Amino acid sequence: MINLNDFMLVSVVLFCIGLFIIVSKKNAIMILIGIELMLNAAILNLVAFGKYDRINNGGQMFALFAIVLAAATTAVALAIILNVYRRYKTINPDKINQLKD
C-alpha cells in the first residue's frame, strides 16, 4: 500500500523540477510550465493529506479550488505572453527591458 511518504516524495520531486525549470529557462512559456509543476506538487500534497485525514474532505476541497485557480492563472498568463510577443517579437524575459513607450 502507498503511504503518505511516497506522496511527499513525488511532490518534492515535482516541486524541485518546477523550481529548476523556473531558474534555468529563458523562455516565458517554460517558466509558466515550471510554475504549473510547482502548483501540481502543492495540489498533490493537499490530496495526499486529504486522503489520510479520516474526519473530513478538506484536502480535496482545497485541491479542487487550487486547480480552478491554476487554470485561471494560466489563461491570464498566456494572454499576457501573447500580447508581449506581439509587441516585442520575443518571449525571452531578459530581452524585454521596457514595458512603456
N, C-alpha and C. Protein backbone atom coordinates (compact mmCIF):
# COMPACT_ATOMS: atom_id res chain seq x y z
N MET A 1 0.83 -1.18 0.00
CA MET A 1 0.00 0.00 0.00
C MET A 1 0.88 1.25 0.00
N ILE A 2 0.41 2.26 -0.69
CA ILE A 2 1.16 3.51 -0.79
C ILE A 2 0.89 4.33 0.48
N ASN A 3 1.97 4.79 1.11
CA ASN A 3 1.80 5.59 2.31
C ASN A 3 2.05 7.07 2.01
N LEU A 4 1.90 7.89 3.02
CA LEU A 4 2.00 9.33 2.85
C LEU A 4 3.40 9.77 2.42
N ASN A 5 4.42 9.04 2.87
CA ASN A 5 5.79 9.40 2.49
C ASN A 5 6.02 9.29 0.99
N ASP A 6 5.40 8.34 0.34
CA ASP A 6 5.54 8.19 -1.10
C ASP A 6 4.94 9.39 -1.84
N PHE A 7 3.78 9.83 -1.38
CA PHE A 7 3.18 11.02 -1.98
C PHE A 7 4.06 12.25 -1.77
N MET A 8 4.63 12.37 -0.58
CA MET A 8 5.50 13.51 -0.28
C MET A 8 6.76 13.48 -1.16
N LEU A 9 7.30 12.30 -1.39
CA LEU A 9 8.50 12.19 -2.22
C LEU A 9 8.21 12.62 -3.65
N VAL A 10 7.10 12.16 -4.20
CA VAL A 10 6.72 12.55 -5.56
C VAL A 10 6.47 14.06 -5.63
N SER A 11 5.85 14.60 -4.60
CA SER A 11 5.57 16.03 -4.56
C SER A 11 6.86 16.85 -4.50
N VAL A 12 7.81 16.40 -3.71
CA VAL A 12 9.09 17.11 -3.62
C VAL A 12 9.83 17.06 -4.95
N VAL A 13 9.80 15.92 -5.61
CA VAL A 13 10.46 15.80 -6.92
C VAL A 13 9.81 16.73 -7.93
N LEU A 14 8.48 16.76 -7.97
CA LEU A 14 7.77 17.67 -8.89
C LEU A 14 8.11 19.13 -8.60
N PHE A 15 8.11 19.49 -7.32
CA PHE A 15 8.41 20.87 -6.94
C PHE A 15 9.83 21.25 -7.34
N CYS A 16 10.79 20.36 -7.11
CA CYS A 16 12.19 20.65 -7.47
C CYS A 16 12.37 20.76 -8.98
N ILE A 17 11.70 19.92 -9.75
CA ILE A 17 11.78 20.03 -11.20
C ILE A 17 11.20 21.37 -11.67
N GLY A 18 10.07 21.76 -11.10
CA GLY A 18 9.48 23.04 -11.45
C GLY A 18 10.38 24.21 -11.09
N LEU A 19 11.00 24.15 -9.92
CA LEU A 19 11.92 25.21 -9.49
C LEU A 19 13.13 25.27 -10.40
N PHE A 20 13.66 24.12 -10.79
CA PHE A 20 14.81 24.10 -11.71
C PHE A 20 14.44 24.71 -13.06
N ILE A 21 13.25 24.40 -13.56
CA ILE A 21 12.81 24.96 -14.84
C ILE A 21 12.70 26.47 -14.74
N ILE A 22 12.14 26.98 -13.65
CA ILE A 22 12.00 28.43 -13.49
C ILE A 22 13.35 29.12 -13.44
N VAL A 23 14.30 28.53 -12.72
CA VAL A 23 15.60 29.16 -12.55
C VAL A 23 16.45 29.07 -13.82
N SER A 24 16.32 27.99 -14.58
CA SER A 24 17.26 27.76 -15.67
C SER A 24 16.77 28.21 -17.05
N LYS A 25 15.49 28.33 -17.26
CA LYS A 25 14.99 28.62 -18.61
C LYS A 25 14.88 30.12 -18.88
N LYS A 26 15.03 30.48 -20.12
CA LYS A 26 14.92 31.86 -20.56
C LYS A 26 13.70 32.08 -21.44
N ASN A 27 12.73 31.20 -21.34
CA ASN A 27 11.54 31.25 -22.17
C ASN A 27 10.33 31.41 -21.26
N ALA A 28 9.46 32.35 -21.57
CA ALA A 28 8.32 32.62 -20.70
C ALA A 28 7.37 31.43 -20.63
N ILE A 29 7.23 30.69 -21.70
CA ILE A 29 6.35 29.52 -21.69
C ILE A 29 6.91 28.44 -20.77
N MET A 30 8.21 28.23 -20.81
CA MET A 30 8.82 27.23 -19.93
C MET A 30 8.75 27.65 -18.47
N ILE A 31 8.87 28.95 -18.21
CA ILE A 31 8.71 29.43 -16.84
C ILE A 31 7.29 29.17 -16.35
N LEU A 32 6.32 29.37 -17.23
CA LEU A 32 4.93 29.09 -16.88
C LEU A 32 4.72 27.60 -16.61
N ILE A 33 5.36 26.74 -17.38
CA ILE A 33 5.27 25.30 -17.14
C ILE A 33 5.90 24.93 -15.79
N GLY A 34 7.01 25.57 -15.45
CA GLY A 34 7.63 25.33 -14.15
C GLY A 34 6.72 25.73 -13.00
N ILE A 35 6.04 26.86 -13.14
CA ILE A 35 5.09 27.29 -12.12
C ILE A 35 3.95 26.29 -12.00
N GLU A 36 3.47 25.79 -13.12
CA GLU A 36 2.39 24.79 -13.09
C GLU A 36 2.84 23.50 -12.40
N LEU A 37 4.08 23.08 -12.63
CA LEU A 37 4.58 21.89 -11.94
C LEU A 37 4.63 22.11 -10.44
N MET A 38 5.04 23.30 -10.03
CA MET A 38 5.08 23.59 -8.60
C MET A 38 3.68 23.62 -8.01
N LEU A 39 2.72 24.17 -8.73
CA LEU A 39 1.34 24.14 -8.27
C LEU A 39 0.79 22.71 -8.18
N ASN A 40 1.14 21.89 -9.15
CA ASN A 40 0.70 20.49 -9.12
C ASN A 40 1.30 19.75 -7.92
N ALA A 41 2.53 20.10 -7.55
CA ALA A 41 3.13 19.48 -6.36
C ALA A 41 2.35 19.87 -5.11
N ALA A 42 1.94 21.14 -5.02
CA ALA A 42 1.16 21.57 -3.87
C ALA A 42 -0.22 20.90 -3.86
N ILE A 43 -0.82 20.76 -5.02
CA ILE A 43 -2.13 20.11 -5.10
C ILE A 43 -2.01 18.63 -4.72
N LEU A 44 -0.93 17.99 -5.12
CA LEU A 44 -0.71 16.59 -4.73
C LEU A 44 -0.60 16.47 -3.21
N ASN A 45 0.07 17.43 -2.58
CA ASN A 45 0.14 17.43 -1.11
C ASN A 45 -1.24 17.55 -0.49
N LEU A 46 -2.05 18.46 -1.03
CA LEU A 46 -3.40 18.64 -0.49
C LEU A 46 -4.22 17.36 -0.60
N VAL A 47 -4.15 16.72 -1.75
CA VAL A 47 -4.92 15.48 -1.95
C VAL A 47 -4.38 14.36 -1.06
N ALA A 48 -3.06 14.28 -0.93
CA ALA A 48 -2.48 13.22 -0.09
C ALA A 48 -2.88 13.40 1.37
N PHE A 49 -2.79 14.62 1.87
CA PHE A 49 -3.18 14.84 3.25
C PHE A 49 -4.68 14.66 3.43
N GLY A 50 -5.45 15.01 2.40
CA GLY A 50 -6.89 14.79 2.47
C GLY A 50 -7.26 13.32 2.49
N LYS A 51 -6.46 12.50 1.80
CA LYS A 51 -6.73 11.06 1.78
C LYS A 51 -6.52 10.43 3.15
N TYR A 52 -5.51 10.90 3.85
CA TYR A 52 -5.20 10.30 5.15
C TYR A 52 -5.90 11.01 6.31
N ASP A 53 -6.70 12.03 6.02
CA ASP A 53 -7.50 12.68 7.05
C ASP A 53 -8.85 11.97 7.10
N ARG A 54 -9.11 11.29 8.15
CA ARG A 54 -10.32 10.46 8.25
C ARG A 54 -11.57 11.28 8.64
N ILE A 55 -11.40 12.51 9.07
CA ILE A 55 -12.52 13.28 9.59
C ILE A 55 -13.33 13.96 8.49
N ASN A 56 -12.66 14.69 7.62
CA ASN A 56 -13.39 15.41 6.56
C ASN A 56 -12.59 15.40 5.26
N ASN A 57 -13.17 15.99 4.23
CA ASN A 57 -12.54 16.03 2.90
C ASN A 57 -11.99 17.42 2.60
N GLY A 58 -11.41 18.07 3.57
CA GLY A 58 -10.90 19.42 3.39
C GLY A 58 -9.77 19.50 2.37
N GLY A 59 -8.90 18.49 2.34
CA GLY A 59 -7.78 18.50 1.39
C GLY A 59 -8.25 18.44 -0.04
N GLN A 60 -9.24 17.61 -0.32
CA GLN A 60 -9.76 17.51 -1.68
C GLN A 60 -10.47 18.79 -2.10
N MET A 61 -11.16 19.42 -1.16
CA MET A 61 -11.84 20.68 -1.49
C MET A 61 -10.83 21.78 -1.80
N PHE A 62 -9.78 21.88 -0.98
CA PHE A 62 -8.74 22.86 -1.25
C PHE A 62 -8.05 22.57 -2.58
N ALA A 63 -7.83 21.28 -2.88
CA ALA A 63 -7.19 20.91 -4.14
C ALA A 63 -8.04 21.31 -5.33
N LEU A 64 -9.34 21.09 -5.24
CA LEU A 64 -10.24 21.49 -6.32
C LEU A 64 -10.20 23.00 -6.53
N PHE A 65 -10.22 23.74 -5.44
CA PHE A 65 -10.13 25.20 -5.52
C PHE A 65 -8.79 25.62 -6.14
N ALA A 66 -7.70 24.96 -5.76
CA ALA A 66 -6.38 25.30 -6.31
C ALA A 66 -6.30 24.98 -7.80
N ILE A 67 -6.94 23.90 -8.25
CA ILE A 67 -6.94 23.56 -9.67
C ILE A 67 -7.67 24.62 -10.48
N VAL A 68 -8.80 25.09 -9.97
CA VAL A 68 -9.55 26.14 -10.66
C VAL A 68 -8.74 27.42 -10.72
N LEU A 69 -8.09 27.79 -9.62
CA LEU A 69 -7.26 29.00 -9.63
C LEU A 69 -6.06 28.85 -10.57
N ALA A 70 -5.47 27.67 -10.62
CA ALA A 70 -4.32 27.45 -11.51
C ALA A 70 -4.74 27.57 -12.98
N ALA A 71 -5.91 27.06 -13.31
CA ALA A 71 -6.39 27.17 -14.70
C ALA A 71 -6.64 28.63 -15.07
N ALA A 72 -7.24 29.38 -14.17
CA ALA A 72 -7.49 30.79 -14.45
C ALA A 72 -6.18 31.58 -14.56
N THR A 73 -5.24 31.28 -13.70
CA THR A 73 -3.94 31.96 -13.74
C THR A 73 -3.21 31.65 -15.03
N THR A 74 -3.27 30.42 -15.47
CA THR A 74 -2.61 30.04 -16.72
C THR A 74 -3.22 30.76 -17.91
N ALA A 75 -4.53 30.89 -17.93
CA ALA A 75 -5.18 31.60 -19.04
C ALA A 75 -4.75 33.06 -19.09
N VAL A 76 -4.69 33.70 -17.94
CA VAL A 76 -4.26 35.11 -17.89
C VAL A 76 -2.80 35.23 -18.28
N ALA A 77 -1.95 34.33 -17.79
CA ALA A 77 -0.53 34.39 -18.12
C ALA A 77 -0.29 34.18 -19.61
N LEU A 78 -1.00 33.25 -20.22
CA LEU A 78 -0.84 33.04 -21.67
C LEU A 78 -1.29 34.25 -22.46
N ALA A 79 -2.35 34.91 -22.03
CA ALA A 79 -2.80 36.13 -22.72
C ALA A 79 -1.74 37.22 -22.61
N ILE A 80 -1.12 37.36 -21.44
CA ILE A 80 -0.06 38.35 -21.27
C ILE A 80 1.14 38.01 -22.15
N ILE A 81 1.51 36.74 -22.19
CA ILE A 81 2.66 36.32 -23.01
C ILE A 81 2.38 36.58 -24.49
N LEU A 82 1.17 36.31 -24.95
CA LEU A 82 0.83 36.57 -26.36
C LEU A 82 0.89 38.06 -26.68
N ASN A 83 0.42 38.91 -25.79
CA ASN A 83 0.50 40.35 -26.02
C ASN A 83 1.93 40.86 -26.01
N VAL A 84 2.74 40.33 -25.13
CA VAL A 84 4.16 40.71 -25.10
C VAL A 84 4.84 40.25 -26.38
N TYR A 85 4.52 39.07 -26.86
CA TYR A 85 5.13 38.58 -28.10
C TYR A 85 4.72 39.44 -29.30
N ARG A 86 3.46 39.85 -29.34
CA ARG A 86 3.02 40.72 -30.43
C ARG A 86 3.78 42.04 -30.46
N ARG A 87 4.06 42.56 -29.30
CA ARG A 87 4.73 43.87 -29.23
C ARG A 87 6.24 43.77 -29.43
N TYR A 88 6.89 42.82 -28.79
CA TYR A 88 8.35 42.76 -28.79
C TYR A 88 8.94 41.66 -29.67
N LYS A 89 8.13 40.78 -30.21
CA LYS A 89 8.56 39.67 -31.08
C LYS A 89 9.53 38.72 -30.39
N THR A 90 9.43 38.60 -29.08
CA THR A 90 10.23 37.64 -28.31
C THR A 90 9.47 37.28 -27.04
N ILE A 91 9.75 36.09 -26.52
CA ILE A 91 9.18 35.71 -25.24
C ILE A 91 10.29 35.47 -24.21
N ASN A 92 11.47 35.93 -24.52
CA ASN A 92 12.59 35.86 -23.60
C ASN A 92 12.45 37.02 -22.60
N PRO A 93 12.25 36.73 -21.33
CA PRO A 93 12.06 37.82 -20.36
C PRO A 93 13.26 38.74 -20.21
N ASP A 94 14.46 38.25 -20.52
CA ASP A 94 15.66 39.09 -20.38
C ASP A 94 15.75 40.15 -21.47
N LYS A 95 15.16 39.92 -22.64
CA LYS A 95 15.24 40.86 -23.75
C LYS A 95 14.16 41.93 -23.71
N ILE A 96 13.22 41.79 -22.83
CA ILE A 96 12.16 42.80 -22.72
C ILE A 96 12.58 43.74 -21.60
N ASN A 97 13.11 44.89 -21.99
CA ASN A 97 13.65 45.80 -20.97
C ASN A 97 12.79 47.03 -20.74
N GLN A 98 11.75 47.21 -21.52
CA GLN A 98 10.85 48.32 -21.27
C GLN A 98 9.43 47.88 -21.53
N LEU A 99 8.55 48.27 -20.64
CA LEU A 99 7.17 47.92 -20.79
C LEU A 99 6.31 49.13 -21.12
N LYS A 100 6.93 50.27 -21.28
CA LYS A 100 6.23 51.51 -21.54
C LYS A 100 6.86 52.18 -22.75
N ASP A 101 6.05 52.89 -23.52
CA ASP A 101 6.59 53.59 -24.71
C ASP A 101 7.50 54.71 -24.37
